Amino acid sequence: ASIVEALGMQLSGLSSLPAVDKRRYALAHTAGRKMIEL
């Protein structure tokens, strides 16, 4: 997970957040928006 983030293939901070951390939902939402830009 850390390596994917270091490669640039995952949004910053996602690799470290615990699975049950609510901030994951916000970053998942951001991922969908960023995919349109990609």
PDB file of all heavy atoms in Angstrom:
ATOM      1  N   ALA A   1       0.841  -1.202   0.000  1.00  0.00           N
ATOM      2  CA  ALA A   1       0.000   0.000   0.000  1.00  0.00           C
ATOM      3  C   ALA A   1       0.871   1.244   0.000  1.00  0.00           C
ATOM      4  O   ALA A   1       0.610   2.215  -0.727  1.00  0.00           O
ATOM      5  CB  ALA A   1      -0.920  -0.019   1.218  1.00  0.00           C
ATOM      6  N   SER A   2       1.937   1.228   0.790  1.00  0.00           N
ATOM      7  CA  SER A   2       2.862   2.359   0.841  1.00  0.00           C
ATOM      8  C   SER A   2       3.588   2.535  -0.490  1.00  0.00           C
ATOM      9  O   SER A   2       3.794   3.669  -0.957  1.00  0.00           O
ATOM     10  CB  SER A   2       3.879   2.152   1.974  1.00  0.00           C
ATOM     11  OG  SER A   2       3.232   2.045   3.230  1.00  0.00           O
ATOM     12  N   ILE A   3       3.971   1.425  -1.095  1.00  0.00           N
ATOM     13  CA  ILE A   3       4.697   1.490  -2.362  1.00  0.00           C
ATOM     14  C   ILE A   3       3.816   2.037  -3.471  1.00  0.00           C
ATOM     15  O   ILE A   3       4.261   2.829  -4.312  1.00  0.00           O
ATOM     16  CB  ILE A   3       5.271   0.101  -2.703  1.00  0.00           C
ATOM     17  CG1 ILE A   3       6.578  -0.085  -1.931  1.00  0.00           C
ATOM     18  CG2 ILE A   3       5.488  -0.079  -4.202  1.00  0.00           C
ATOM     19  CD1 ILE A   3       7.230  -1.414  -2.118  1.00  0.00           C
ATOM     20  N   VAL A   4       2.536   1.652  -3.491  1.00  0.00           N
ATOM     21  CA  VAL A   4       1.624   2.180  -4.502  1.00  0.00           C
ATOM     22  C   VAL A   4       1.504   3.697  -4.356  1.00  0.00           C
ATOM     23  O   VAL A   4       1.471   4.441  -5.343  1.00  0.00           O
ATOM     24  CB  VAL A   4       0.241   1.502  -4.398  1.00  0.00           C
ATOM     25  CG1 VAL A   4      -0.767   2.193  -5.302  1.00  0.00           C
ATOM     26  CG2 VAL A   4       0.346   0.033  -4.782  1.00  0.00           C
ATOM     27  N   GLU A   5       1.451   4.157  -3.111  1.00  0.00           N
ATOM     28  CA  GLU A   5       1.397   5.603  -2.873  1.00  0.00           C
ATOM     29  C   GLU A   5       2.707   6.269  -3.302  1.00  0.00           C
ATOM     30  O   GLU A   5       2.698   7.345  -3.912  1.00  0.00           O
ATOM     31  CB  GLU A   5       1.117   5.873  -1.394  1.00  0.00           C
ATOM     32  CG  GLU A   5       0.818   7.322  -1.075  1.00  0.00           C
ATOM     33  CD  GLU A   5       0.341   7.528   0.354  1.00  0.00           C
ATOM     34  OE1 GLU A   5      -0.448   6.702   0.852  1.00  0.00           O
ATOM     35  OE2 GLU A   5       0.759   8.525   0.971  1.00  0.00           O
ATOM     36  N   ALA A   6       3.839   5.642  -2.991  1.00  0.00           N
ATOM     37  CA  ALA A   6       5.133   6.200  -3.386  1.00  0.00           C
ATOM     38  C   ALA A   6       5.305   6.202  -4.903  1.00  0.00           C
ATOM     39  O   ALA A   6       5.959   7.101  -5.461  1.00  0.00           O
ATOM     40  CB  ALA A   6       6.261   5.409  -2.742  1.00  0.00           C
ATOM     41  N   LEU A   7       4.722   5.232  -5.582  1.00  0.00           N
ATOM     42  CA  LEU A   7       4.766   5.192  -7.047  1.00  0.00           C
ATOM     43  C   LEU A   7       3.903   6.281  -7.670  1.00  0.00           C
ATOM     44  O   LEU A   7       4.013   6.552  -8.867  1.00  0.00           O
ATOM     45  CB  LEU A   7       4.280   3.829  -7.554  1.00  0.00           C
ATOM     46  CG  LEU A   7       5.256   2.662  -7.539  1.00  0.00           C
ATOM     47  CD1 LEU A   7       4.528   1.361  -7.830  1.00  0.00           C
ATOM     48  CD2 LEU A   7       6.380   2.878  -8.549  1.00  0.00           C
ATOM     49  N   GLY A   8       3.021   6.876  -6.882  1.00  0.00           N
ATOM     50  CA  GLY A   8       2.110   7.885  -7.402  1.00  0.00           C
ATOM     51  C   GLY A   8       0.790   7.342  -7.864  1.00  0.00           C
ATOM     52  O   GLY A   8      -0.016   8.068  -8.459  1.00  0.00           O
ATOM     53  N   MET A   9       0.494   6.077  -7.572  1.00  0.00           N
ATOM     54  CA  MET A   9      -0.707   5.419  -8.082  1.00  0.00           C
ATOM     55  C   MET A   9      -1.838   5.356  -7.050  1.00  0.00           C
ATOM     56  O   MET A   9      -2.843   4.708  -7.281  1.00  0.00           O
ATOM     57  CB  MET A   9      -0.362   4.005  -8.570  1.00  0.00           C
ATOM     58  CG  MET A   9       0.527   3.975  -9.794  1.00  0.00           C
ATOM     59  SD  MET A   9      -0.205   4.776 -11.250  1.00  0.00           S
ATOM     60  CE  MET A   9      -1.629   3.709 -11.540  1.00  0.00           C
ATOM     61  N   GLN A  10      -1.687   6.034  -5.917  1.00  0.00           N
ATOM     62  CA  GLN A  10      -2.716   6.092  -4.889  1.00  0.00           C
ATOM     63  C   GLN A  10      -2.686   7.494  -4.280  1.00  0.00           C
ATOM     64  O   GLN A  10      -1.627   8.104  -4.165  1.00  0.00           O
ATOM     65  CB  GLN A  10      -2.471   5.036  -3.807  1.00  0.00           C
ATOM     66  CG  GLN A  10      -3.416   5.119  -2.629  1.00  0.00           C
ATOM     67  CD  GLN A  10      -3.435   3.866  -1.760  1.00  0.00           C
ATOM     68  OE1 GLN A  10      -4.488   3.338  -1.492  1.00  0.00           O
ATOM     69  NE2 GLN A  10      -2.286   3.387  -1.330  1.00  0.00           N
ATOM     70  N   LEU A  11      -3.858   8.005  -3.894  1.00  0.00           N
ATOM     71  CA  LEU A  11      -3.917   9.335  -3.307  1.00  0.00           C
ATOM     72  C   LEU A  11      -3.126   9.399  -2.011  1.00  0.00           C
ATOM     73  O   LEU A  11      -3.071   8.444  -1.244  1.00  0.00           O
ATOM     74  CB  LEU A  11      -5.370   9.728  -3.056  1.00  0.00           C
ATOM     75  CG  LEU A  11      -6.235   9.948  -4.308  1.00  0.00           C
ATOM     76  CD1 LEU A  11      -7.656  10.319  -3.904  1.00  0.00           C
ATOM     77  CD2 LEU A  11      -5.642  11.026  -5.216  1.00  0.00           C
ATOM     78  N   SER A  12      -2.538  10.544  -1.768  1.00  0.00           N
ATOM     79  CA  SER A  12      -1.662  10.743  -0.625  1.00  0.00           C
ATOM     80  C   SER A  12      -2.390  10.503   0.696  1.00  0.00           C
ATOM     81  O   SER A  12      -3.481  11.032   0.929  1.00  0.00           O
ATOM     82  CB  SER A  12      -1.103  12.165  -0.647  1.00  0.00           C
ATOM     83  OG  SER A  12      -0.214  12.391   0.413  1.00  0.00           O
ATOM     84  N   GLY A  13      -1.783   9.685   1.555  1.00  0.00           N
ATOM     85  CA  GLY A  13      -2.305   9.406   2.883  1.00  0.00           C
ATOM     86  C   GLY A  13      -3.131   8.154   3.009  1.00  0.00           C
ATOM     87  O   GLY A  13      -3.341   7.654   4.125  1.00  0.00           O
ATOM     88  N   LEU A  14      -3.598   7.604   1.885  1.00  0.00           N
ATOM     89  CA  LEU A  14      -4.495   6.445   1.956  1.00  0.00           C
ATOM     90  C   LEU A  14      -3.822   5.212   2.517  1.00  0.00           C
ATOM     91  O   LEU A  14      -4.450   4.416   3.214  1.00  0.00           O
ATOM     92  CB  LEU A  14      -5.067   6.131   0.571  1.00  0.00           C
ATOM     93  CG  LEU A  14      -6.483   6.631   0.291  1.00  0.00           C
ATOM     94  CD1 LEU A  14      -6.842   6.438  -1.163  1.00  0.00           C
ATOM     95  CD2 LEU A  14      -7.497   5.926   1.180  1.00  0.00           C
ATOM     96  N   SER A  15      -2.545   5.022   2.235  1.00  0.00           N
ATOM     97  CA  SER A  15      -1.893   3.772   2.633  1.00  0.00           C
ATOM     98  C   SER A  15      -1.822   3.616   4.146  1.00  0.00           C
ATOM     99  O   SER A  15      -1.803   2.495   4.654  1.00  0.00           O
ATOM    100  CB  SER A  15      -0.481   3.707   2.053  1.00  0.00           C
ATOM    101  OG  SER A  15       0.343   4.729   2.600  1.00  0.00           O
ATOM    102  N   SER A  16      -1.782   4.725   4.888  1.00  0.00           N
ATOM    103  CA  SER A  16      -1.557   4.654   6.327  1.00  0.00           C
ATOM    104  C   SER A  16      -2.838   4.619   7.147  1.00  0.00           C
ATOM    105  O   SER A  16      -2.831   4.143   8.290  1.00  0.00           O
ATOM    106  CB  SER A  16      -0.725   5.861   6.784  1.00  0.00           C
ATOM    107  OG  SER A  16       0.402   6.053   5.958  1.00  0.00           O
ATOM    108  N   LEU A  17      -3.941   5.136   6.614  1.00  0.00           N
ATOM    109  CA  LEU A  17      -5.178   5.228   7.389  1.00  0.00           C
ATOM    110  C   LEU A  17      -5.721   3.846   7.735  1.00  0.00           C
ATOM    111  O   LEU A  17      -5.825   2.980   6.863  1.00  0.00           O
ATOM    112  CB  LEU A  17      -6.240   5.984   6.600  1.00  0.00           C
ATOM    113  CG  LEU A  17      -6.087   7.504   6.497  1.00  0.00           C
ATOM    114  CD1 LEU A  17      -7.120   8.056   5.513  1.00  0.00           C
ATOM    115  CD2 LEU A  17      -6.241   8.154   7.861  1.00  0.00           C
ATOM    116  N   PRO A  18      -6.099   3.611   9.004  1.00  0.00           N
ATOM    117  CA  PRO A  18      -6.727   2.328   9.346  1.00  0.00           C
ATOM    118  C   PRO A  18      -7.966   2.073   8.497  1.00  0.00           C
ATOM    119  O   PRO A  18      -8.641   3.012   8.037  1.00  0.00           O
ATOM    120  CB  PRO A  18      -7.093   2.505  10.825  1.00  0.00           C
ATOM    121  CG  PRO A  18      -6.118   3.522  11.336  1.00  0.00           C
ATOM    122  CD  PRO A  18      -5.896   4.467  10.191  1.00  0.00           C
ATOM    123  N   ALA A  19      -8.286   0.807   8.307  1.00  0.00           N
ATOM    124  CA  ALA A  19      -9.410   0.425   7.459  1.00  0.00           C
ATOM    125  C   ALA A  19     -10.720   1.027   7.930  1.00  0.00           C
ATOM    126  O   ALA A  19     -11.607   1.316   7.118  1.00  0.00           O
ATOM    127  CB  ALA A  19      -9.518  -1.103   7.411  1.00  0.00           C
ATOM    128  N   VAL A  20     -10.879   1.217   9.243  1.00  0.00           N
ATOM    129  CA  VAL A  20     -12.148   1.695   9.792  1.00  0.00           C
ATOM    130  C   VAL A  20     -12.171   3.209   9.981  1.00  0.00           C
ATOM    131  O   VAL A  20     -13.135   3.750  10.535  1.00  0.00           O
ATOM    132  CB  VAL A  20     -12.457   0.988  11.132  1.00  0.00           C
ATOM    133  CG1 VAL A  20     -12.682  -0.490  10.900  1.00  0.00           C
ATOM    134  CG2 VAL A  20     -11.315   1.193  12.135  1.00  0.00           C
ATOM    135  N   ASP A  21     -11.152   3.913   9.527  1.00  0.00           N
ATOM    136  CA  ASP A  21     -11.093   5.362   9.674  1.00  0.00           C
ATOM    137  C   ASP A  21     -12.046   6.024   8.677  1.00  0.00           C
ATOM    138  O   ASP A  21     -11.984   5.762   7.473  1.00  0.00           O
ATOM    139  CB  ASP A  21      -9.656   5.843   9.434  1.00  0.00           C
ATOM    140  CG  ASP A  21      -9.419   7.262   9.913  1.00  0.00           C
ATOM    141  OD1 ASP A  21     -10.133   8.168   9.452  1.00  0.00           O
ATOM    142  OD2 ASP A  21      -8.512   7.457  10.755  1.00  0.00           O
ATOM    143  N   LYS A  22     -12.921   6.913   9.158  1.00  0.00           N
ATOM    144  CA  LYS A  22     -13.925   7.546   8.304  1.00  0.00           C
ATOM    145  C   LYS A  22     -13.311   8.407   7.210  1.00  0.00           C
ATOM    146  O   LYS A  22     -13.958   8.688   6.195  1.00  0.00           O
ATOM    147  CB  LYS A  22     -14.856   8.409   9.167  1.00  0.00           C
ATOM    148  CG  LYS A  22     -15.760   7.626  10.107  1.00  0.00           C
ATOM    149  CD  LYS A  22     -16.826   6.869   9.346  1.00  0.00           C
ATOM    150  CE  LYS A  22     -17.813   6.216  10.315  1.00  0.00           C
ATOM    151  NZ  LYS A  22     -18.872   5.471   9.599  1.00  0.00           N
ATOM    152  N   ARG A  23     -12.062   8.844   7.409  1.00  0.00           N
ATOM    153  CA  ARG A  23     -11.429   9.665   6.375  1.00  0.00           C
ATOM    154  C   ARG A  23     -11.255   8.909   5.068  1.00  0.00           C
ATOM    155  O   ARG A  23     -11.076   9.524   4.009  1.00  0.00           O
ATOM    156  CB  ARG A  23     -10.082  10.175   6.889  1.00  0.00           C
ATOM    157  CG  ARG A  23     -10.199  11.268   7.940  1.00  0.00           C
ATOM    158  CD  ARG A  23      -8.853  11.603   8.550  1.00  0.00           C
ATOM    159  NE  ARG A  23      -8.369  10.542   9.431  1.00  0.00           N
ATOM    160  CZ  ARG A  23      -7.231  10.601  10.113  1.00  0.00           C
ATOM    161  NH1 ARG A  23      -6.446  11.671   9.980  1.00  0.00           N
ATOM    162  NH2 ARG A  23      -6.858   9.615  10.905  1.00  0.00           N
ATOM    163  N   ARG A  24     -11.313   7.578   5.135  1.00  0.00           N
ATOM    164  CA  ARG A  24     -11.220   6.797   3.901  1.00  0.00           C
ATOM    165  C   ARG A  24     -12.391   7.084   2.959  1.00  0.00           C
ATOM    166  O   ARG A  24     -12.236   7.057   1.741  1.00  0.00           O
ATOM    167  CB  ARG A  24     -11.166   5.296   4.212  1.00  0.00           C
ATOM    168  CG  ARG A  24      -9.829   4.865   4.752  1.00  0.00           C
ATOM    169  CD  ARG A  24      -9.667   3.365   4.789  1.00  0.00           C
ATOM    170  NE  ARG A  24      -8.247   3.083   4.876  1.00  0.00           N
ATOM    171  CZ  ARG A  24      -7.438   2.969   3.839  1.00  0.00           C
ATOM    172  NH1 ARG A  24      -7.920   3.101   2.629  1.00  0.00           N
ATOM    173  NH2 ARG A  24      -6.149   2.730   4.008  1.00  0.00           N
ATOM    174  N   TYR A  25     -13.571   7.333   3.520  1.00  0.00           N
ATOM    175  CA  TYR A  25     -14.728   7.636   2.673  1.00  0.00           C
ATOM    176  C   TYR A  25     -14.515   8.943   1.909  1.00  0.00           C
ATOM    177  O   TYR A  25     -14.855   9.051   0.723  1.00  0.00           O
ATOM    178  CB  TYR A  25     -15.995   7.724   3.534  1.00  0.00           C
ATOM    179  CG  TYR A  25     -16.437   6.403   4.091  1.00  0.00           C
ATOM    180  CD1 TYR A  25     -16.132   6.037   5.395  1.00  0.00           C
ATOM    181  CD2 TYR A  25     -17.165   5.498   3.306  1.00  0.00           C
ATOM    182  CE1 TYR A  25     -16.523   4.809   5.922  1.00  0.00           C
ATOM    183  CE2 TYR A  25     -17.570   4.266   3.809  1.00  0.00           C
ATOM    184  CZ  TYR A  25     -17.244   3.925   5.117  1.00  0.00           C
ATOM    185  OH  TYR A  25     -17.635   2.712   5.626  1.00  0.00           O
ATOM    186  N   ALA A  26     -13.951   9.933   2.585  1.00  0.00           N
ATOM    187  CA  ALA A  26     -13.690  11.212   1.921  1.00  0.00           C
ATOM    188  C   ALA A  26     -12.665  11.037   0.802  1.00  0.00           C
ATOM    189  O   ALA A  26     -12.830  11.584  -0.301  1.00  0.00           O
ATOM    190  CB  ALA A  26     -13.203  12.239   2.942  1.00  0.00           C
ATOM    191  N   LEU A  27     -11.607  10.271   1.064  1.00  0.00           N
ATOM    192  CA  LEU A  27     -10.588  10.061   0.038  1.00  0.00           C
ATOM    193  C   LEU A  27     -11.120   9.209  -1.109  1.00  0.00           C
ATOM    194  O   LEU A  27     -10.733   9.407  -2.263  1.00  0.00           O
ATOM    195  CB  LEU A  27      -9.344   9.421   0.661  1.00  0.00           C
ATOM    196  CG  LEU A  27      -8.424  10.392   1.410  1.00  0.00           C
ATOM    197  CD1 LEU A  27      -7.367   9.647   2.201  1.00  0.00           C
ATOM    198  CD2 LEU A  27      -7.773  11.380   0.448  1.00  0.00           C
ATOM    199  N   ALA A  28     -12.008   8.268  -0.816  1.00  0.00           N
ATOM    200  CA  ALA A  28     -12.622   7.482  -1.884  1.00  0.00           C
ATOM    201  C   ALA A  28     -13.468   8.377  -2.792  1.00  0.00           C
ATOM    202  O   ALA A  28     -13.473   8.227  -4.024  1.00  0.00           O
ATOM    203  CB  ALA A  28     -13.472   6.369  -1.288  1.00  0.00           C
ATOM    204  N   HIS A  29     -14.206   9.303  -2.182  1.00  0.00           N
ATOM    205  CA  HIS A  29     -14.986  10.263  -2.962  1.00  0.00           C
ATOM    206  C   HIS A  29     -14.058  11.108  -3.839  1.00  0.00           C
ATOM    207  O   HIS A  29     -14.333  11.332  -5.028  1.00  0.00           O
ATOM    208  CB  HIS A  29     -15.793  11.152  -2.010  1.00  0.00           C
ATOM    209  CG  HIS A  29     -16.644  12.163  -2.713  1.00  0.00           C
ATOM    210  ND1 HIS A  29     -17.859  11.856  -3.277  1.00  0.00           N
ATOM    211  CD2 HIS A  29     -16.440  13.490  -2.948  1.00  0.00           C
ATOM    212  CE1 HIS A  29     -18.384  12.945  -3.827  1.00  0.00           C
ATOM    213  NE2 HIS A  29     -17.542  13.945  -3.640  1.00  0.00           N
ATOM    214  N   THR A  30     -12.955  11.557  -3.261  1.00  0.00           N
ATOM    215  CA  THR A  30     -11.977  12.340  -4.016  1.00  0.00           C
ATOM    216  C   THR A  30     -11.410  11.525  -5.174  1.00  0.00           C
ATOM    217  O   THR A  30     -11.183  12.056  -6.268  1.00  0.00           O
ATOM    218  CB  THR A  30     -10.831  12.799  -3.091  1.00  0.00           C
ATOM    219  OG1 THR A  30     -11.375  13.576  -2.031  1.00  0.00           O
ATOM    220  CG2 THR A  30      -9.804  13.621  -3.850  1.00  0.00           C
ATOM    221  N   ALA A  31     -11.181  10.226  -4.938  1.00  0.00           N
ATOM    222  CA  ALA A  31     -10.631   9.369  -5.989  1.00  0.00           C
ATOM    223  C   ALA A  31     -11.547   9.339  -7.207  1.00  0.00           C
ATOM    224  O   ALA A  31     -11.084   9.387  -8.358  1.00  0.00           O
ATOM    225  CB  ALA A  31     -10.413   7.960  -5.455  1.00  0.00           C
ATOM    226  N   GLY A  32     -12.852   9.261  -6.965  1.00  0.00           N
ATOM    227  CA  GLY A  32     -13.791   9.257  -8.086  1.00  0.00           C
ATOM    228  C   GLY A  32     -13.723  10.538  -8.895  1.00  0.00           C
ATOM    229  O   GLY A  32     -13.758  10.521 -10.137  1.00  0.00           O
ATOM    230  N   ARG A  33     -13.612  11.663  -8.211  1.00  0.00           N
ATOM    231  CA  ARG A  33     -13.508  12.949  -8.901  1.00  0.00           C
ATOM    232  C   ARG A  33     -12.189  13.050  -9.674  1.00  0.00           C
ATOM    233  O   ARG A  33     -12.160  13.534 -10.812  1.00  0.00           O
ATOM    234  CB  ARG A  33     -13.617  14.089  -7.893  1.00  0.00           C
ATOM    235  CG  ARG A  33     -14.962  14.167  -7.174  1.00  0.00           C
ATOM    236  CD  ARG A  33     -14.950  15.189  -6.045  1.00  0.00           C
ATOM    237  NE  ARG A  33     -14.724  16.532  -6.543  1.00  0.00           N
ATOM    238  CZ  ARG A  33     -15.694  17.371  -6.946  1.00  0.00           C
ATOM    239  NH1 ARG A  33     -16.955  16.960  -6.895  1.00  0.00           N
ATOM    240  NH2 ARG A  33     -15.407  18.576  -7.376  1.00  0.00           N
ATOM    241  N   LYS A  34     -11.115  12.584  -9.056  1.00  0.00           N
ATOM    242  CA  LYS A  34      -9.814  12.650  -9.719  1.00  0.00           C
ATOM    243  C   LYS A  34      -9.753  11.756 -10.952  1.00  0.00           C
ATOM    244  O   LYS A  34      -9.038  12.059 -11.913  1.00  0.00           O
ATOM    245  CB  LYS A  34      -8.711  12.258  -8.733  1.00  0.00           C
ATOM    246  CG  LYS A  34      -8.402  13.325  -7.682  1.00  0.00           C
ATOM    247  CD  LYS A  34      -7.812  14.569  -8.326  1.00  0.00           C
ATOM    248  CE  LYS A  34      -7.486  15.632  -7.285  1.00  0.00           C
ATOM    249  NZ  LYS A  34      -6.966  16.881  -7.933  1.00  0.00           N
ATOM    250  N   MET A  35     -10.491  10.651 -10.918  1.00  0.00           N
ATOM    251  CA  MET A  35     -10.460   9.744 -12.070  1.00  0.00           C
ATOM    252  C   MET A  35     -10.990  10.430 -13.323  1.00  0.00           C
ATOM    253  O   MET A  35     -10.524  10.169 -14.436  1.00  0.00           O
ATOM    254  CB  MET A  35     -11.269   8.478 -11.783  1.00  0.00           C
ATOM    255  CG  MET A  35     -10.462   7.341 -11.202  1.00  0.00           C
ATOM    256  SD  MET A  35      -8.937   6.964 -12.098  1.00  0.00           S
ATOM    257  CE  MET A  35      -9.527   6.791 -13.763  1.00  0.00           C
ATOM    258  N   ILE A  36     -11.979  11.304 -13.170  1.00  0.00           N
ATOM    259  CA  ILE A  36     -12.494  12.040 -14.327  1.00  0.00           C
ATOM    260  C   ILE A  36     -11.380  12.887 -14.933  1.00  0.00           C
ATOM    261  O   ILE A  36     -11.218  12.954 -16.169  1.00  0.00           O
ATOM    262  CB  ILE A  36     -13.681  12.934 -13.912  1.00  0.00           C
ATOM    263  CG1 ILE A  36     -14.786  12.092 -13.259  1.00  0.00           C
ATOM    264  CG2 ILE A  36     -14.219  13.703 -15.110  1.00  0.00           C
ATOM    265  CD1 ILE A  36     -15.343  11.011 -14.138  1.00  0.00           C
ATOM    266  N   GLU A  37     -10.574  13.505 -14.080  1.00  0.00           N
ATOM    267  CA  GLU A  37      -9.458  14.310 -14.562  1.00  0.00           C
ATOM    268  C   GLU A  37      -8.388  13.447 -15.220  1.00  0.00           C
ATOM    269  O   GLU A  37      -7.792  13.833 -16.236  1.00  0.00           O
ATOM    270  CB  GLU A  37      -8.862  15.117 -13.408  1.00  0.00           C
ATOM    271  CG  GLU A  37      -9.829  16.097 -12.765  1.00  0.00           C
ATOM    272  CD  GLU A  37      -9.235  16.787 -11.548  1.00  0.00           C
ATOM    273  OE1 GLU A  37      -7.994  16.713 -11.366  1.00  0.00           O
ATOM    274  OE2 GLU A  37      -9.997  17.400 -10.778  1.00  0.00           O
ATOM    275  N   LEU A  38      -8.131  12.267 -14.638  1.00  0.00           N
ATOM    276  CA  LEU A  38      -7.126  11.366 -15.232  1.00  0.00           C
ATOM    277  C   LEU A  38      -7.534  10.953 -16.643  1.00  0.00           C
ATOM    278  O   LEU A  38      -6.704  10.914 -17.562  1.00  0.00           O
ATOM    279  CB  LEU A  38      -6.953  10.119 -14.364  1.00  0.00           C
ATOM    280  CG  LEU A  38      -6.206  10.237 -13.041  1.00  0.00           C
ATOM    281  CD1 LEU A  38      -6.073   8.871 -12.388  1.00  0.00           C
ATOM    282  CD2 LEU A  38      -4.839  10.855 -13.237  1.00  0.00           C
TER     283      LEU A  38
END
